[in-house]
């Protein structure tokens, strides 16, 4: 999907346009081959700049071409994917391309909250021709979404823990495992984004203006806070998973102990009846009270064994 936005210099409003106008912002979301070639030909850049940002495994980095004055910023943005059972938090690359002093391009594999907020004009005070400021605003909003998603992860973790306290369900354990994996993705991506922002902060990649620098500083602060939150939540979740693993193992041991004790108790009357079922001379075999006596003996021995096992905490 290809969209072009431009700030009207007279009204200072963002408008969607059809032509490639200098100072505009070009938004590419899962673009087709035709759209990629069209953009590259119109703004005179290499296709690799766009294709690199469309690689799901691409890591956060900065690539600057001195020859044509094009700079590529790749950062990881948080996304929510849906599978058959629940929602999964993950990350994907977002490419931001500064084409000389002419165009600003964003490239992503799929829709994401960061770009959508800009397209829906939810972000105030941004102009398409102020490319440096636009990059920093995107970085700041991206860090804010990490914080927001981390809070959601923490809330979902608490809900899963509450359910697990009442009954051990595989679904909730798998949910915790999925959240633990999401925190690993977030932590890795946040640290990569931090390197990109700190490298940009040095001012050697793009020109920094005083107002823009404050936005970038805020973005770095938000990103650091997100890293700390992700680490704390990850440590808590790791401890929780270890605790539940111990609880499950302990419960299993308790069940096995109980079943073993029941087997011993049931073996007493079975053993006695087996003895008196033998074709040999045995006590009470000629007595008319033989059967009741054997039943009484079995009951007494069973009760004694049960009492002993109970005393040894084998039937709890």
Protein backbone atom coordinates (compact mmCIF):
# COMPACT_ATOMS: atom_id res chain seq x y z
CA UNK A 1 0.00 0.00 0.00
CA UNK A 2 1.40 3.35 -1.06
CA UNK A 3 0.30 6.67 0.42
CA UNK A 4 1.81 10.13 0.05
CA UNK A 5 1.29 12.93 2.58
CA UNK A 6 2.31 16.55 2.32
CA UNK A 7 2.14 19.58 4.61
CA UNK A 8 0.50 22.58 3.01
CA UNK A 9 2.81 25.52 3.67
CA UNK A 10 -0.07 28.00 3.77
CA UNK A 11 -2.52 26.14 6.03
CA UNK A 12 0.10 23.92 7.75
CA UNK A 13 -2.29 20.96 7.39
CA UNK A 14 -1.37 17.44 6.37
CA UNK A 15 -3.00 16.34 3.11
CA UNK A 16 -2.87 13.08 1.20
CA UNK A 17 -1.69 13.69 -2.34
CA UNK A 18 -1.15 11.56 -5.43
CA UNK A 19 2.08 12.96 -6.89
CA UNK A 20 5.62 12.77 -5.51
CA UNK A 21 6.11 16.30 -4.27
CA UNK A 22 9.30 17.62 -2.66
CA UNK A 23 8.93 17.75 1.11
CA UNK A 24 6.32 14.98 1.24
CA UNK A 25 6.17 11.84 3.35
CA UNK A 26 5.82 8.55 1.47
CA UNK A 27 4.29 5.71 3.50
CA UNK A 28 4.81 2.14 2.26
CA UNK A 29 3.04 -0.71 4.06
CA UNK A 30 3.63 -4.17 2.58
CA UNK A 31 4.24 -2.61 -0.86
CA UNK A 32 3.95 -4.53 -4.10
CA UNK A 33 6.80 -4.84 -6.58
CA UNK A 34 5.15 -2.21 -8.77
CA UNK A 35 4.93 0.26 -5.87
CA UNK A 36 8.56 -0.34 -4.88
CA UNK A 37 9.82 0.29 -8.41
CA UNK A 38 7.55 3.31 -8.78
CA UNK A 39 8.83 4.97 -5.60
CA UNK A 40 12.48 4.21 -6.29
CA UNK A 41 12.24 5.57 -9.81
CA UNK A 42 10.32 8.68 -8.75
CA UNK A 43 12.62 9.71 -5.88
CA UNK A 44 15.81 8.26 -7.41
CA UNK A 45 16.98 5.80 -4.75
CA UNK A 46 18.16 2.19 -4.80
CA UNK A 47 15.59 -0.55 -4.28
CA UNK A 48 17.78 -2.13 -1.59
CA UNK A 49 16.87 0.66 0.82
CA UNK A 50 13.22 -0.41 0.71
CA UNK A 51 13.79 -4.15 0.43
CA UNK A 52 16.12 -4.21 3.46
CA UNK A 53 13.41 -2.66 5.61
CA UNK A 54 10.95 -5.33 4.40
CA UNK A 55 13.14 -8.16 5.72
CA UNK A 56 11.43 -9.41 8.91
CA UNK A 57 14.80 -10.50 10.32
CA UNK A 58 16.43 -7.10 9.71
CA UNK A 59 18.06 -5.64 12.83
CA UNK A 60 17.97 -2.03 13.97
CA UNK A 61 20.75 -0.08 12.25
CA UNK A 62 21.71 3.05 10.31
CA UNK A 63 23.00 2.99 6.75
CA UNK A 64 24.12 6.19 5.06
CA UNK A 65 25.06 6.50 1.40
CA UNK A 66 27.37 9.46 0.89
CA UNK A 67 27.08 9.29 -2.89
CA UNK A 68 23.35 10.02 -3.22
CA UNK A 69 22.75 11.58 0.22
CA UNK A 70 20.26 8.91 1.30
CA UNK A 71 20.11 7.65 4.90
CA UNK A 72 18.28 4.54 6.08
CA UNK A 73 17.17 4.15 9.69
CA UNK A 74 15.85 0.74 10.75
CA UNK A 75 14.24 0.34 14.18
CA UNK A 76 12.10 -2.37 15.72
CA UNK A 77 8.47 -1.54 16.52
CA UNK A 78 6.18 -3.55 18.81
CA UNK A 79 3.25 -5.39 17.25
CA UNK A 80 0.50 -7.75 18.40
CA UNK A 81 0.06 -10.93 16.36
CA UNK A 82 -2.92 -13.23 16.68
CA UNK A 83 -2.67 -17.01 16.62
CA UNK A 84 -5.31 -19.69 17.12
CA UNK A 85 -5.47 -19.34 20.91
CA UNK A 86 -4.42 -15.84 21.95
CA UNK A 87 -2.53 -12.66 21.10
CA UNK A 88 1.25 -12.72 20.88
CA UNK A 89 3.49 -9.68 21.39
CA UNK A 90 6.36 -9.42 18.96
CA UNK A 91 8.46 -6.88 17.04
CA UNK A 92 9.12 -6.08 13.40
CA UNK A 93 11.46 -3.69 11.54
CA UNK A 94 10.37 -0.22 10.50
CA UNK A 95 12.46 1.56 7.89
CA UNK A 96 12.77 5.35 7.73
CA UNK A 97 14.54 6.73 4.67
CA UNK A 98 15.71 10.32 4.37
CA UNK A 99 16.13 11.03 0.66
CA UNK A 100 18.50 13.98 0.50
CA UNK A 101 16.50 17.06 1.49
CA UNK A 102 13.57 16.06 -0.70
CA UNK A 103 11.54 13.14 0.64
CA UNK A 104 10.89 11.12 3.77
CA UNK A 105 9.88 7.46 3.36
CA UNK A 106 8.63 4.93 5.92
CA UNK A 107 8.59 1.22 5.06
CA UNK A 108 6.99 -1.63 7.01
CA UNK A 109 5.82 -5.16 6.35
CA UNK A 110 2.41 -4.63 7.91
CA UNK A 111 0.31 -2.03 9.64
CA UNK A 112 1.53 -0.86 13.01
CA UNK A 113 0.27 1.58 15.62
CA UNK A 114 3.20 3.97 15.24
CA UNK A 115 2.64 4.79 11.56
CA UNK A 116 -1.14 4.60 11.88
CA UNK A 117 -1.13 7.33 14.54
CA UNK A 118 0.73 9.65 12.18
CA UNK A 119 -1.50 8.78 9.23
CA UNK A 120 -4.62 9.41 11.31
CA UNK A 121 -3.20 12.80 12.42
CA UNK A 122 -3.19 11.76 16.09
CA UNK A 123 0.26 13.29 16.54
CA UNK A 124 0.19 17.05 16.79
CA UNK A 125 2.82 19.46 15.57
CA UNK A 126 4.48 17.40 12.86
CA UNK A 127 5.28 18.48 9.33
CA UNK A 128 6.30 16.22 6.49
CA UNK A 129 9.12 18.53 5.37
CA UNK A 130 10.78 18.50 8.82
CA UNK A 131 12.38 15.12 8.34
CA UNK A 132 14.70 15.11 11.36
CA UNK A 133 11.91 16.07 13.72
CA UNK A 134 9.59 13.48 12.15
CA UNK A 135 12.15 10.73 12.74
CA UNK A 136 12.51 11.70 16.40
CA UNK A 137 8.75 11.90 16.86
CA UNK A 138 8.44 8.38 15.45
CA UNK A 139 11.20 7.16 17.77
CA UNK A 140 9.52 8.76 20.77
CA UNK A 141 6.10 7.33 19.91
CA UNK A 142 7.68 3.93 19.31
CA UNK A 143 9.25 3.94 22.79
CA UNK A 144 5.91 4.98 24.27
CA UNK A 145 4.18 2.02 22.65
CA UNK A 146 6.80 -0.33 24.08
CA UNK A 147 5.94 0.99 27.54
CA UNK A 148 2.23 0.60 26.86
CA UNK A 149 2.59 -2.98 25.62
CA UNK A 150 4.83 -3.86 28.56
CA UNK A 151 2.10 -2.74 30.93
CA UNK A 152 -0.39 -4.92 29.03
CA UNK A 153 1.98 -7.89 29.29
CA UNK A 154 2.30 -7.35 33.04
CA UNK A 155 -1.49 -7.21 33.40
CA UNK A 156 -1.97 -10.40 31.37
CA UNK A 157 0.69 -12.08 33.50
CA UNK A 158 -1.21 -11.21 36.69
CA UNK A 159 -4.45 -12.57 35.21
CA UNK A 160 -2.77 -15.84 34.21
CA UNK A 161 -1.21 -16.18 37.67
CA UNK A 162 -4.60 -15.63 39.34
CA UNK A 163 -6.17 -18.40 37.23
CA UNK A 164 -3.26 -20.75 37.92
CA UNK A 165 -3.68 -20.28 41.68
CA UNK A 166 -7.11 -21.89 41.46
CA UNK A 167 -6.35 -24.61 38.94
CA UNK A 168 -3.30 -25.66 36.97
CA UNK A 169 -4.19 -25.35 33.30
CA UNK A 170 -1.88 -25.94 30.37
CA UNK A 171 -3.47 -23.01 28.55
CA UNK A 172 -2.41 -20.52 31.21
CA UNK A 173 1.07 -22.02 31.49
CA UNK A 174 1.49 -21.70 27.72
CA UNK A 175 0.25 -18.12 28.00
CA UNK A 176 2.98 -17.33 30.53
CA UNK A 177 5.55 -18.99 28.27
CA UNK A 178 4.38 -16.86 25.35
CA UNK A 179 4.61 -13.67 27.44
CA UNK A 180 8.10 -14.66 28.57
CA UNK A 181 9.14 -15.03 24.93
CA UNK A 182 7.60 -11.62 24.10
CA UNK A 183 9.66 -9.96 26.83
CA UNK A 184 12.82 -11.45 25.33
CA UNK A 185 11.90 -10.00 21.91
CA UNK A 186 11.12 -6.62 23.45
CA UNK A 187 14.36 -6.47 25.44
CA UNK A 188 16.49 -7.34 22.42
CA UNK A 189 14.71 -4.83 20.17
CA UNK A 190 14.81 -2.04 22.75
CA UNK A 191 18.56 -2.41 23.19
CA UNK A 192 19.06 -2.32 19.40
CA UNK A 193 16.87 0.80 19.15
CA UNK A 194 18.92 2.41 21.92
CA UNK A 195 22.10 2.02 19.88
CA UNK A 196 20.45 3.63 16.86
CA UNK A 197 19.18 6.59 18.89
CA UNK A 198 22.49 7.15 20.68
CA UNK A 199 24.33 7.04 17.36
CA UNK A 200 21.87 9.59 15.96
CA UNK A 201 22.32 11.74 19.07
CA UNK A 202 25.98 12.31 18.21
CA UNK A 203 24.81 14.44 15.28
CA UNK A 204 26.95 12.80 12.62
CA UNK A 205 24.08 11.06 10.82
CA UNK A 206 21.58 13.87 10.34
CA UNK A 207 21.55 17.49 11.38
CA UNK A 208 20.19 18.09 14.87
CA UNK A 209 18.18 21.18 15.74
CA UNK A 210 17.77 22.31 19.33
CA UNK A 211 14.02 21.54 19.55
CA UNK A 212 14.48 18.24 17.74
CA UNK A 213 17.28 17.23 20.09
CA UNK A 214 14.94 17.51 23.07
CA UNK A 215 12.50 15.10 21.40
CA UNK A 216 15.33 12.64 20.76
CA UNK A 217 16.48 12.92 24.38
CA UNK A 218 12.94 12.19 25.55
CA UNK A 219 12.80 9.20 23.19
CA UNK A 220 16.08 7.83 24.61
CA UNK A 221 14.77 8.30 28.17
CA UNK A 222 11.51 6.49 27.33
CA UNK A 223 13.48 3.70 25.66
CA UNK A 224 15.74 3.26 28.71
CA UNK A 225 12.69 3.12 30.95
CA UNK A 226 11.16 0.47 28.69
CA UNK A 227 14.37 -1.58 28.88
CA UNK A 228 14.29 -1.47 32.68
CA UNK A 229 10.60 -2.42 32.78
CA UNK A 230 11.15 -5.30 30.35
CA UNK A 231 14.04 -6.59 32.47
CA UNK A 232 12.03 -6.37 35.71
CA UNK A 233 8.97 -8.06 34.21
CA UNK A 234 11.16 -10.74 32.62
CA UNK A 235 12.88 -11.50 35.95
CA UNK A 236 9.51 -11.69 37.72
CA UNK A 237 8.06 -13.95 35.04
CA UNK A 238 11.11 -16.23 35.09
CA UNK A 239 10.76 -16.58 38.85
CA UNK A 240 7.04 -17.26 38.50
CA UNK A 241 7.60 -19.95 35.86
CA UNK A 242 10.24 -21.63 38.05
CA UNK A 243 7.88 -21.51 41.04
CA UNK A 244 5.01 -23.08 39.09
CA UNK A 245 7.35 -25.75 37.72
CA UNK A 246 8.27 -26.66 41.32
CA UNK A 247 4.60 -26.62 42.38
CA UNK A 248 3.60 -28.91 39.50
CA UNK A 249 6.46 -31.30 40.30
CA UNK A 250 5.52 -31.29 43.99
CA UNK A 251 1.85 -31.94 43.19
CA UNK A 252 2.82 -34.83 40.94
CA UNK A 253 4.97 -36.32 43.68
CA UNK A 254 2.03 -36.01 46.09
CA UNK A 255 -0.30 -37.79 43.70
CA UNK A 256 2.19 -40.60 43.13
CA UNK A 257 2.73 -40.98 46.90
CA UNK A 258 -1.02 -41.15 47.50
CA UNK A 259 -1.58 -43.72 44.73
CA UNK A 260 1.29 -45.85 46.04
CA UNK A 261 -0.20 -45.80 49.54
CA UNK A 262 -3.64 -46.80 48.22
CA UNK A 263 -2.02 -49.67 46.32
CA UNK A 264 -0.41 -50.91 49.56
CA UNK A 265 -3.69 -50.68 51.47
CA UNK A 266 -5.59 -52.61 48.79
CA UNK A 267 -2.85 -55.23 48.63
CA UNK A 268 -3.55 -56.39 52.24
CA UNK A 269 -7.01 -58.00 51.70
CA UNK A 270 -5.88 -59.26 48.28
CA UNK A 271 -2.88 -61.00 49.84
CA UNK A 272 -4.94 -62.59 52.66
CA UNK A 273 -7.62 -63.85 50.29
CA UNK A 274 -4.87 -65.26 48.05
CA UNK A 275 -3.39 -67.21 50.97
CA UNK A 276 -6.72 -68.77 51.93
CA UNK A 277 -7.49 -69.56 48.34
CA UNK A 278 -4.59 -72.03 48.19
CA UNK A 279 -5.32 -75.74 48.02
CA UNK A 280 -3.46 -76.56 51.28
CA UNK A 281 -4.36 -76.99 54.95
CA UNK A 282 -4.91 -73.56 56.50
CA UNK A 283 -6.31 -72.26 59.84
CA UNK A 284 -10.09 -71.86 60.04
CA UNK A 285 -10.67 -73.70 56.75
CA UNK A 286 -13.02 -76.17 58.45
CA UNK A 287 -14.68 -73.62 60.69
CA UNK A 288 -18.12 -72.31 59.78
CA UNK A 289 -16.90 -68.89 60.92
CA UNK A 290 -13.80 -69.04 58.69
CA UNK A 291 -15.00 -66.51 56.17
CA UNK A 292 -16.06 -63.85 58.72
CA UNK A 293 -12.78 -64.37 60.59
CA UNK A 294 -10.76 -63.80 57.40
CA UNK A 295 -12.82 -60.68 56.64
CA UNK A 296 -12.20 -59.40 60.16
CA UNK A 297 -8.47 -60.08 59.90
CA UNK A 298 -8.35 -58.28 56.53
CA UNK A 299 -10.22 -55.28 57.90
CA UNK A 300 -8.03 -55.05 61.00
CA UNK A 301 -4.79 -55.33 59.04
CA UNK A 302 -6.04 -52.84 56.46
CA UNK A 303 -6.94 -50.34 59.18
CA UNK A 304 -3.57 -50.83 60.87
CA UNK A 305 -1.68 -50.26 57.60
CA UNK A 306 -3.86 -47.23 56.83
CA UNK A 307 -3.16 -45.78 60.27
CA UNK A 308 0.56 -46.34 59.87
CA UNK A 309 0.65 -44.73 56.41
CA UNK A 310 -1.40 -41.81 57.70
CA UNK A 311 1.06 -41.37 60.57
CA UNK A 312 3.92 -41.28 58.05
CA UNK A 313 2.08 -38.57 56.01
CA UNK A 314 1.67 -40.95 53.08
CA UNK A 315 -2.10 -40.43 52.69
CA UNK A 316 -2.33 -36.60 52.79
